[in-house]
Amino acid sequence: MDGNDALAKEKLKQAVCEAIDRHGNEIIELGETILHHPETGFNEAKTAAIVAERMAAIGLAPQTGLALTGVKGRIRGKRPGPRLAFIGELDSLRTSDHPLADPHSGAAHSCGHNAQIAGMLGVAMGLAAIDAAEHLAGELVFFAVPAEEFIDVEERLKRRARGEIEFLLGKPELVAKGHFDDIDMAMMIHAGSHDQMTTRSLIADSSNGALVKQVRFLGRASHAGGAPQLGINALAAAMIALNAINAQRETFWDKDTIRIHPIITKGGDAVSVVPAEVTLETFVRGGSLEAIVDANMKVDRCLRAGAMAMGAEVEINTIPGYLPQRNDRQLGEMFGANVAALFGPGEFEMNGHRTGSTDMGDIAHLIPVIHPYVAAATGKTHGADFRITEPTHAYLTPAKLLAMTAIDLLYGDAAPARQVIADFKPAFTKDSYLAFERGLFKTERYSAEA
């Protein structure tokens, strides 16, 4: 690219930022509207309708109903080239003690996905307003996706049994249905908290993946006061298993960043009855697939030990969750340069490992992606105190940064995007990924008397 082209590209980036500012009130209102109407994964009908309506108004001819609620629109560049997706997640969590929680469902945007959707649509508004596609090669794909948060496992398993979904997370389900087949690279931005970040923006090199465990301990009911000797206490079996898992923690390597955090979802039926059925859910998180598999084996062993100790049975249902995240270094450096352009040096970092999980990690095993954070909130992510305190940075800054990076990638003949794709080494093909994920579904039943 010669000096004139470089100058023209920078002017285009400036123009898109100005266009996003002109649409600022509209973008912020979108984010705030979604904030006040949270919906859980695969149930995001109202949010999806808002996205589809706004995409149609911009002229993106949206596809709807993808993996139940996903919405996809696109802008085509002047010349053929790579297909770059901007991702926004439709769903919320359940955080019933959050001040903005839905009083009926307990759903709340305590993770900031409403800002992702607003930012993604802000990119589309800004690029469309200045007809940026005339200067770009390839396609810009705007993709609102369902069910990033792994909650409501029972509900999703029922959907799976009815054939509505195959996978319990949105992006794996979209891959299985072929809706990522027409995407070569992807970007998204997550709202971050000032309480957990020291710079305006960051990209971790990696983050944990996870398996999901649903566990049932089955004992024998009896009168807890009159004849406890005739019962088999499933709660005691579960507690022994949980203590065994805790005893395993020193066996995990620090470098593997293992996180296991079970909850009891049913502890019995009545105080006067020896608990005959107790259920648990947990994630088994780790920084690599090998670490997750090893930790999962140890967890299964502890669960069987609890059953054996009490003479109970245990049913262990293992469900594929998230693959570890792998952020593309070249994409990250381009993005970081735009953070520096907006905020000055020292406001971006790209390194380290995060111990949370995202199904963007699944996509990162197939195509180059980045999943940055922009600090615009306070409180704890996933906590009742999470608040977006800087609406401009939460909703407009992501739109600007994504649009600027898209122009860097696709301007002219899209040579930078082509280079990123050429240098990327996928960990899976689509077919091998789906085979791996399907192989993780497993139900085992263990009896102490077997």
Foldseek 3Di string as FASTA:
>chain_A
DDPVLVVVLVVLLVQLLVQLVVCVVVLLVQLVVLQLVADAFLGLQVNLVVLCVLCVVLPFPWDACQLHGKIKGKDAAPAADAEEEQEAERHFDQAQLFPSADVPRSTGNLFQSSQQSSLLSSLSSSCSVVVVSDQFHHMYMYMYWGAFDQDPVVVQVVCVVVVSFVARHTPLRNLVVPVCVRHFEYETETADAVVPDDFQKEFAQKEKFKKKKKKKKFKAKDFQPPCCVPIQASLQLVVQLVVQLVVCVVVADVQFLWDKDKDWPDRADDPRMRRGMTMMMIMTMTQAPVSSVVSVVSSVVSSLVSCLVRQIKMKMWMAGHAHMAGAQPLLQVLLVVVVCVVPNPPRYYYYDYYHDGTNVRVVVLEHHYTYMYGHQWHDDRVHSRTDRNHSCRSRSVSNSSVSSSSSVQTGHPRVNVVVSSVPDDHNDHSVRSVVVNVVRGDMDMDGSVD
